[in-house]
Amino acid sequence: MLTMIHNAQAASKPVVIAPYSKMKYDIAKIFEKKKFIAGVEKKMKKIKRNAKPRLCLEITLKYVNNKIPAISGYRKISKPGQRIYLAAKEIKKVKQGRGIGVISTSKGLMADHEAKKENIGGELICEIW
């Protein structure tokens, strides 16, 4: 999903359609809350011709002055081959506070500063700035 968003912003697309999963939806909601994207909705869409409609995420991208993407970069941290876990004390700011990290905690997905505030560690999924 991060790559889809990055590629769509490079092509100046207004909307990205991504396959639905609860984790992607929660990550997109965090991005929306922190003003990196304009909005996210669950919708039934046909991805391919002659296919049944499927549940998808419609992510509305955000641009500064209708030109510059709000997301300038991203990094996928935790991968299936190597999971990265952090204790609450090990959570650091992303790009001196200009970005956010998404952490999967026992209380669900949350931004890095929220996890640090609640003193909860977890798996670091990705960082965007």
N, C-alpha and C. Protein backbone atom coordinates (compact mmCIF):
# COMPACT_ATOMS: atom_id res chain seq x y z
N MET A 1 0.83 -1.19 0.00
CA MET A 1 0.00 0.00 0.00
C MET A 1 0.87 1.26 0.00
N LEU A 2 1.97 1.23 0.76
CA LEU A 2 2.86 2.40 0.80
C LEU A 2 3.45 2.67 -0.58
N THR A 3 3.83 1.62 -1.28
CA THR A 3 4.39 1.78 -2.61
C THR A 3 3.34 2.30 -3.58
N MET A 4 2.10 1.82 -3.45
CA MET A 4 1.01 2.30 -4.30
C MET A 4 0.79 3.79 -4.10
N ILE A 5 0.80 4.24 -2.86
CA ILE A 5 0.61 5.66 -2.55
C ILE A 5 1.77 6.47 -3.12
N HIS A 6 3.00 5.99 -2.91
CA HIS A 6 4.18 6.70 -3.41
C HIS A 6 4.15 6.83 -4.93
N ASN A 7 3.84 5.73 -5.63
CA ASN A 7 3.79 5.76 -7.10
C ASN A 7 2.68 6.67 -7.61
N ALA A 8 1.52 6.64 -6.95
CA ALA A 8 0.40 7.49 -7.37
C ALA A 8 0.74 8.97 -7.18
N GLN A 9 1.44 9.30 -6.10
CA GLN A 9 1.83 10.69 -5.88
C GLN A 9 2.88 11.13 -6.89
N ALA A 10 3.76 10.22 -7.29
CA ALA A 10 4.77 10.55 -8.31
C ALA A 10 4.10 10.85 -9.64
N ALA A 11 2.94 10.21 -9.90
CA ALA A 11 2.20 10.44 -11.14
C ALA A 11 1.10 11.49 -10.96
N SER A 12 1.05 12.15 -9.82
CA SER A 12 0.06 13.19 -9.49
C SER A 12 -1.38 12.70 -9.60
N LYS A 13 -1.64 11.48 -9.19
CA LYS A 13 -3.00 10.93 -9.19
C LYS A 13 -3.75 11.44 -7.96
N PRO A 14 -5.06 11.68 -8.08
CA PRO A 14 -5.81 12.17 -6.92
C PRO A 14 -6.22 11.06 -5.95
N VAL A 15 -6.38 9.81 -6.46
CA VAL A 15 -6.93 8.72 -5.65
C VAL A 15 -6.15 7.43 -5.92
N VAL A 16 -6.02 6.59 -4.89
CA VAL A 16 -5.42 5.26 -5.01
C VAL A 16 -6.47 4.25 -4.57
N ILE A 17 -6.60 3.16 -5.34
CA ILE A 17 -7.48 2.06 -4.96
C ILE A 17 -6.58 0.89 -4.55
N ALA A 18 -6.69 0.45 -3.29
CA ALA A 18 -5.87 -0.65 -2.77
C ALA A 18 -6.78 -1.75 -2.24
N PRO A 19 -6.36 -3.01 -2.34
CA PRO A 19 -7.15 -4.09 -1.75
C PRO A 19 -7.32 -3.87 -0.25
N TYR A 20 -8.48 -4.24 0.28
CA TYR A 20 -8.79 -3.99 1.68
C TYR A 20 -8.16 -5.04 2.60
N SER A 21 -7.62 -4.56 3.70
CA SER A 21 -7.32 -5.39 4.87
C SER A 21 -7.46 -4.47 6.07
N LYS A 22 -7.75 -5.06 7.21
CA LYS A 22 -7.96 -4.24 8.41
C LYS A 22 -6.69 -3.47 8.78
N MET A 23 -5.54 -4.11 8.60
CA MET A 23 -4.28 -3.44 8.94
C MET A 23 -4.03 -2.24 8.02
N LYS A 24 -4.26 -2.41 6.71
CA LYS A 24 -4.08 -1.30 5.77
C LYS A 24 -5.04 -0.17 6.10
N TYR A 25 -6.28 -0.52 6.44
CA TYR A 25 -7.27 0.49 6.78
C TYR A 25 -6.84 1.27 8.02
N ASP A 26 -6.36 0.56 9.04
CA ASP A 26 -5.92 1.23 10.27
C ASP A 26 -4.71 2.13 10.01
N ILE A 27 -3.77 1.67 9.18
CA ILE A 27 -2.60 2.48 8.83
C ILE A 27 -3.05 3.74 8.08
N ALA A 28 -3.96 3.58 7.13
CA ALA A 28 -4.46 4.72 6.37
C ALA A 28 -5.20 5.70 7.28
N LYS A 29 -5.92 5.21 8.27
CA LYS A 29 -6.61 6.08 9.22
C LYS A 29 -5.61 6.91 10.04
N ILE A 30 -4.48 6.28 10.41
CA ILE A 30 -3.43 7.02 11.13
C ILE A 30 -2.86 8.11 10.23
N PHE A 31 -2.60 7.77 8.95
CA PHE A 31 -2.09 8.77 8.00
C PHE A 31 -3.08 9.92 7.84
N GLU A 32 -4.37 9.60 7.79
CA GLU A 32 -5.40 10.64 7.65
C GLU A 32 -5.44 11.53 8.90
N LYS A 33 -5.35 10.91 10.06
CA LYS A 33 -5.39 11.65 11.32
C LYS A 33 -4.20 12.60 11.45
N LYS A 34 -3.03 12.17 10.94
CA LYS A 34 -1.82 12.99 11.01
C LYS A 34 -1.65 13.87 9.77
N LYS A 35 -2.67 13.93 8.92
CA LYS A 35 -2.74 14.83 7.75
C LYS A 35 -1.71 14.53 6.65
N PHE A 36 -1.36 13.25 6.48
CA PHE A 36 -0.50 12.85 5.37
C PHE A 36 -1.32 12.49 4.13
N ILE A 37 -2.58 12.09 4.32
CA ILE A 37 -3.51 11.86 3.21
C ILE A 37 -4.80 12.60 3.51
N ALA A 38 -5.59 12.87 2.46
CA ALA A 38 -6.82 13.64 2.65
C ALA A 38 -7.95 12.80 3.21
N GLY A 39 -8.03 11.52 2.83
CA GLY A 39 -9.11 10.69 3.33
C GLY A 39 -8.96 9.24 2.91
N VAL A 40 -9.72 8.37 3.59
CA VAL A 40 -9.74 6.94 3.25
C VAL A 40 -11.16 6.42 3.45
N GLU A 41 -11.63 5.62 2.51
CA GLU A 41 -12.97 5.03 2.59
C GLU A 41 -12.93 3.58 2.16
N LYS A 42 -13.82 2.77 2.75
CA LYS A 42 -14.02 1.39 2.30
C LYS A 42 -15.10 1.42 1.23
N LYS A 43 -14.84 0.79 0.08
CA LYS A 43 -15.82 0.77 -1.00
C LYS A 43 -15.77 -0.57 -1.71
N MET A 44 -16.91 -0.94 -2.31
CA MET A 44 -16.96 -2.12 -3.16
C MET A 44 -16.60 -1.67 -4.57
N LYS A 45 -15.56 -2.27 -5.14
CA LYS A 45 -15.09 -1.89 -6.48
C LYS A 45 -14.73 -3.12 -7.27
N LYS A 46 -14.84 -2.99 -8.61
CA LYS A 46 -14.32 -4.01 -9.51
C LYS A 46 -12.89 -3.63 -9.84
N ILE A 47 -11.95 -4.49 -9.51
CA ILE A 47 -10.55 -4.18 -9.79
C ILE A 47 -10.23 -4.54 -11.24
N LYS A 48 -10.74 -5.69 -11.71
CA LYS A 48 -10.52 -6.11 -13.09
C LYS A 48 -11.85 -6.22 -13.80
N ARG A 49 -11.80 -6.15 -15.11
CA ARG A 49 -13.00 -6.30 -15.91
C ARG A 49 -13.52 -7.73 -15.75
N ASN A 50 -14.84 -7.92 -15.75
CA ASN A 50 -15.51 -9.21 -15.59
C ASN A 50 -15.24 -9.88 -14.25
N ALA A 51 -14.84 -9.13 -13.26
CA ALA A 51 -14.60 -9.68 -11.93
C ALA A 51 -15.71 -9.22 -10.99
N LYS A 52 -15.89 -9.96 -9.92
CA LYS A 52 -16.87 -9.58 -8.91
C LYS A 52 -16.35 -8.37 -8.14
N PRO A 53 -17.26 -7.51 -7.71
CA PRO A 53 -16.83 -6.38 -6.88
C PRO A 53 -16.21 -6.87 -5.57
N ARG A 54 -15.14 -6.23 -5.15
CA ARG A 54 -14.46 -6.59 -3.91
C ARG A 54 -14.35 -5.37 -3.02
N LEU A 55 -14.16 -5.62 -1.75
CA LEU A 55 -13.98 -4.53 -0.79
C LEU A 55 -12.57 -3.94 -0.98
N CYS A 56 -12.51 -2.64 -1.20
CA CYS A 56 -11.24 -1.95 -1.45
C CYS A 56 -11.15 -0.69 -0.60
N LEU A 57 -9.96 -0.17 -0.52
CA LEU A 57 -9.73 1.11 0.13
C LEU A 57 -9.56 2.17 -0.95
N GLU A 58 -10.31 3.23 -0.83
CA GLU A 58 -10.15 4.37 -1.73
C GLU A 58 -9.45 5.46 -0.93
N ILE A 59 -8.17 5.68 -1.24
CA ILE A 59 -7.34 6.63 -0.51
C ILE A 59 -7.21 7.90 -1.33
N THR A 60 -7.70 9.01 -0.77
CA THR A 60 -7.59 10.30 -1.44
C THR A 60 -6.29 10.95 -0.99
N LEU A 61 -5.43 11.24 -1.96
CA LEU A 61 -4.11 11.78 -1.66
C LEU A 61 -4.15 13.28 -1.40
N LYS A 62 -3.15 13.75 -0.69
CA LYS A 62 -3.08 15.16 -0.32
C LYS A 62 -1.84 15.77 -0.95
N TYR A 63 -2.00 16.97 -1.50
CA TYR A 63 -0.90 17.70 -2.12
C TYR A 63 -0.84 19.10 -1.54
N VAL A 64 0.37 19.63 -1.43
CA VAL A 64 0.57 21.01 -0.99
C VAL A 64 0.59 21.88 -2.24
N ASN A 65 -0.26 22.90 -2.29
CA ASN A 65 -0.42 23.78 -3.45
C ASN A 65 -0.75 23.01 -4.73
N ASN A 66 -1.48 21.90 -4.59
CA ASN A 66 -1.89 21.04 -5.71
C ASN A 66 -0.72 20.53 -6.55
N LYS A 67 0.49 20.51 -6.00
CA LYS A 67 1.67 20.05 -6.74
C LYS A 67 2.54 19.11 -5.93
N ILE A 68 2.92 19.50 -4.74
CA ILE A 68 3.90 18.77 -3.94
C ILE A 68 3.18 17.75 -3.06
N PRO A 69 3.56 16.47 -3.16
CA PRO A 69 2.92 15.44 -2.32
C PRO A 69 3.17 15.69 -0.83
N ALA A 70 2.16 15.39 -0.01
CA ALA A 70 2.29 15.57 1.44
C ALA A 70 3.26 14.54 2.02
N ILE A 71 3.36 13.37 1.39
CA ILE A 71 4.31 12.34 1.83
C ILE A 71 5.54 12.43 0.95
N SER A 72 6.66 12.79 1.56
CA SER A 72 7.88 12.92 0.76
C SER A 72 8.72 11.66 0.76
N GLY A 73 8.51 10.78 1.73
CA GLY A 73 9.26 9.54 1.77
C GLY A 73 8.68 8.56 2.77
N TYR A 74 9.10 7.31 2.64
CA TYR A 74 8.64 6.27 3.55
C TYR A 74 9.70 5.19 3.66
N ARG A 75 9.58 4.38 4.72
CA ARG A 75 10.48 3.25 4.89
C ARG A 75 9.71 2.12 5.57
N LYS A 76 9.71 0.95 4.95
CA LYS A 76 9.11 -0.24 5.55
C LYS A 76 10.15 -0.82 6.49
N ILE A 77 9.81 -0.98 7.75
CA ILE A 77 10.78 -1.41 8.74
C ILE A 77 10.66 -2.92 8.99
N SER A 78 9.56 -3.35 9.55
CA SER A 78 9.36 -4.74 9.90
C SER A 78 8.90 -5.53 8.68
N LYS A 79 9.53 -6.66 8.43
CA LYS A 79 9.22 -7.50 7.27
C LYS A 79 8.98 -8.92 7.76
N PRO A 80 8.36 -9.76 6.95
CA PRO A 80 8.13 -11.15 7.39
C PRO A 80 9.43 -11.89 7.75
N GLY A 81 10.52 -11.59 7.08
CA GLY A 81 11.78 -12.26 7.37
C GLY A 81 12.49 -11.72 8.59
N GLN A 82 12.18 -10.49 8.97
CA GLN A 82 12.83 -9.88 10.13
C GLN A 82 11.87 -8.89 10.79
N ARG A 83 11.30 -9.31 11.88
CA ARG A 83 10.40 -8.44 12.64
C ARG A 83 11.22 -7.55 13.56
N ILE A 84 10.84 -6.28 13.65
CA ILE A 84 11.55 -5.32 14.50
C ILE A 84 10.60 -4.90 15.62
N TYR A 85 10.98 -5.22 16.85
CA TYR A 85 10.18 -4.87 18.01
C TYR A 85 10.91 -3.82 18.84
N LEU A 86 10.15 -2.88 19.39
CA LEU A 86 10.72 -1.82 20.21
C LEU A 86 9.99 -1.76 21.55
N ALA A 87 10.75 -1.53 22.60
CA ALA A 87 10.16 -1.21 23.90
C ALA A 87 9.77 0.26 23.87
N ALA A 88 8.93 0.68 24.78
CA ALA A 88 8.47 2.07 24.81
C ALA A 88 9.65 3.04 24.94
N LYS A 89 10.68 2.66 25.68
CA LYS A 89 11.85 3.53 25.88
C LYS A 89 12.71 3.66 24.62
N GLU A 90 12.61 2.68 23.70
CA GLU A 90 13.43 2.69 22.49
C GLU A 90 12.81 3.46 21.33
N ILE A 91 11.57 3.92 21.48
CA ILE A 91 10.87 4.62 20.40
C ILE A 91 11.46 6.02 20.25
N LYS A 92 11.92 6.31 19.02
CA LYS A 92 12.53 7.61 18.74
C LYS A 92 11.69 8.37 17.72
N LYS A 93 11.89 9.68 17.64
CA LYS A 93 11.19 10.51 16.67
C LYS A 93 11.67 10.20 15.25
N VAL A 94 10.77 10.35 14.29
CA VAL A 94 11.10 10.13 12.88
C VAL A 94 11.38 11.49 12.25
N LYS A 95 12.56 11.65 11.67
CA LYS A 95 12.97 12.90 11.01
C LYS A 95 12.77 14.11 11.91
N GLN A 96 13.30 14.04 13.12
CA GLN A 96 13.22 15.11 14.12
C GLN A 96 11.77 15.56 14.39
N GLY A 97 10.83 14.63 14.34
CA GLY A 97 9.44 14.94 14.65
C GLY A 97 8.59 15.34 13.45
N ARG A 98 9.18 15.41 12.25
CA ARG A 98 8.41 15.79 11.06
C ARG A 98 7.67 14.61 10.46
N GLY A 99 8.03 13.39 10.86
CA GLY A 99 7.38 12.19 10.35
C GLY A 99 6.76 11.40 11.48
N ILE A 100 6.15 10.26 11.12
CA ILE A 100 5.57 9.38 12.14
C ILE A 100 5.97 7.94 11.85
N GLY A 101 6.00 7.16 12.91
CA GLY A 101 6.19 5.72 12.80
C GLY A 101 4.88 5.05 13.18
N VAL A 102 4.57 3.94 12.52
CA VAL A 102 3.37 3.19 12.85
C VAL A 102 3.79 1.94 13.62
N ILE A 103 3.24 1.76 14.81
CA ILE A 103 3.61 0.66 15.69
C ILE A 103 2.38 -0.19 15.97
N SER A 104 2.55 -1.51 15.83
CA SER A 104 1.51 -2.46 16.16
C SER A 104 1.68 -2.85 17.63
N THR A 105 0.75 -2.43 18.47
CA THR A 105 0.84 -2.70 19.91
C THR A 105 -0.26 -3.65 20.33
N SER A 106 -0.27 -3.98 21.59
CA SER A 106 -1.33 -4.83 22.13
C SER A 106 -2.68 -4.12 22.14
N LYS A 107 -2.68 -2.81 22.02
CA LYS A 107 -3.92 -2.02 21.96
C LYS A 107 -4.26 -1.61 20.54
N GLY A 108 -3.63 -2.24 19.54
CA GLY A 108 -3.90 -1.92 18.14
C GLY A 108 -2.80 -1.06 17.54
N LEU A 109 -3.00 -0.68 16.29
CA LEU A 109 -2.03 0.17 15.61
C LEU A 109 -2.13 1.60 16.12
N MET A 110 -0.97 2.22 16.29
CA MET A 110 -0.96 3.63 16.71
C MET A 110 0.33 4.30 16.26
N ALA A 111 0.31 5.61 16.25
CA ALA A 111 1.50 6.39 15.88
C ALA A 111 2.54 6.26 16.98
N ASP A 112 3.80 6.48 16.63
CA ASP A 112 4.90 6.28 17.57
C ASP A 112 4.79 7.12 18.83
N HIS A 113 4.42 8.39 18.67
CA HIS A 113 4.35 9.26 19.85
C HIS A 113 3.20 8.87 20.78
N GLU A 114 2.12 8.30 20.23
CA GLU A 114 1.01 7.84 21.07
C GLU A 114 1.43 6.62 21.87
N ALA A 115 2.18 5.69 21.24
CA ALA A 115 2.66 4.50 21.93
C ALA A 115 3.63 4.89 23.04
N LYS A 116 4.50 5.84 22.76
CA LYS A 116 5.46 6.30 23.77
C LYS A 116 4.73 6.97 24.94
N LYS A 117 3.70 7.74 24.62
CA LYS A 117 2.92 8.44 25.65
C LYS A 117 2.21 7.44 26.56
N GLU A 118 1.69 6.35 25.97
CA GLU A 118 0.99 5.32 26.76
C GLU A 118 1.94 4.28 27.33
N ASN A 119 3.24 4.45 27.08
CA ASN A 119 4.29 3.55 27.57
C ASN A 119 4.07 2.11 27.11
N ILE A 120 3.81 1.96 25.79
CA ILE A 120 3.59 0.65 25.19
C ILE A 120 4.59 0.47 24.05
N GLY A 121 5.22 -0.68 24.01
CA GLY A 121 6.10 -1.02 22.90
C GLY A 121 5.35 -1.91 21.92
N GLY A 122 6.03 -2.31 20.85
CA GLY A 122 5.40 -3.18 19.86
C GLY A 122 6.25 -3.31 18.62
N GLU A 123 5.64 -3.82 17.56
CA GLU A 123 6.34 -4.03 16.29
C GLU A 123 6.28 -2.75 15.46
N LEU A 124 7.43 -2.27 15.04
CA LEU A 124 7.51 -1.07 14.20
C LEU A 124 7.24 -1.46 12.77
N ILE A 125 6.12 -1.03 12.22
CA ILE A 125 5.69 -1.42 10.87
C ILE A 125 6.38 -0.58 9.80
N CYS A 126 6.23 0.74 9.90
CA CYS A 126 6.80 1.62 8.88
C CYS A 126 6.99 3.03 9.44
N GLU A 127 7.69 3.84 8.67
CA GLU A 127 7.88 5.26 8.99
C GLU A 127 7.56 6.06 7.74
N ILE A 128 6.89 7.19 7.89
CA ILE A 128 6.67 8.11 6.76
C ILE A 128 7.02 9.52 7.20
N TRP A 129 7.39 10.33 6.24
CA TRP A 129 7.70 11.75 6.51
C TRP A 129 7.34 12.59 5.31
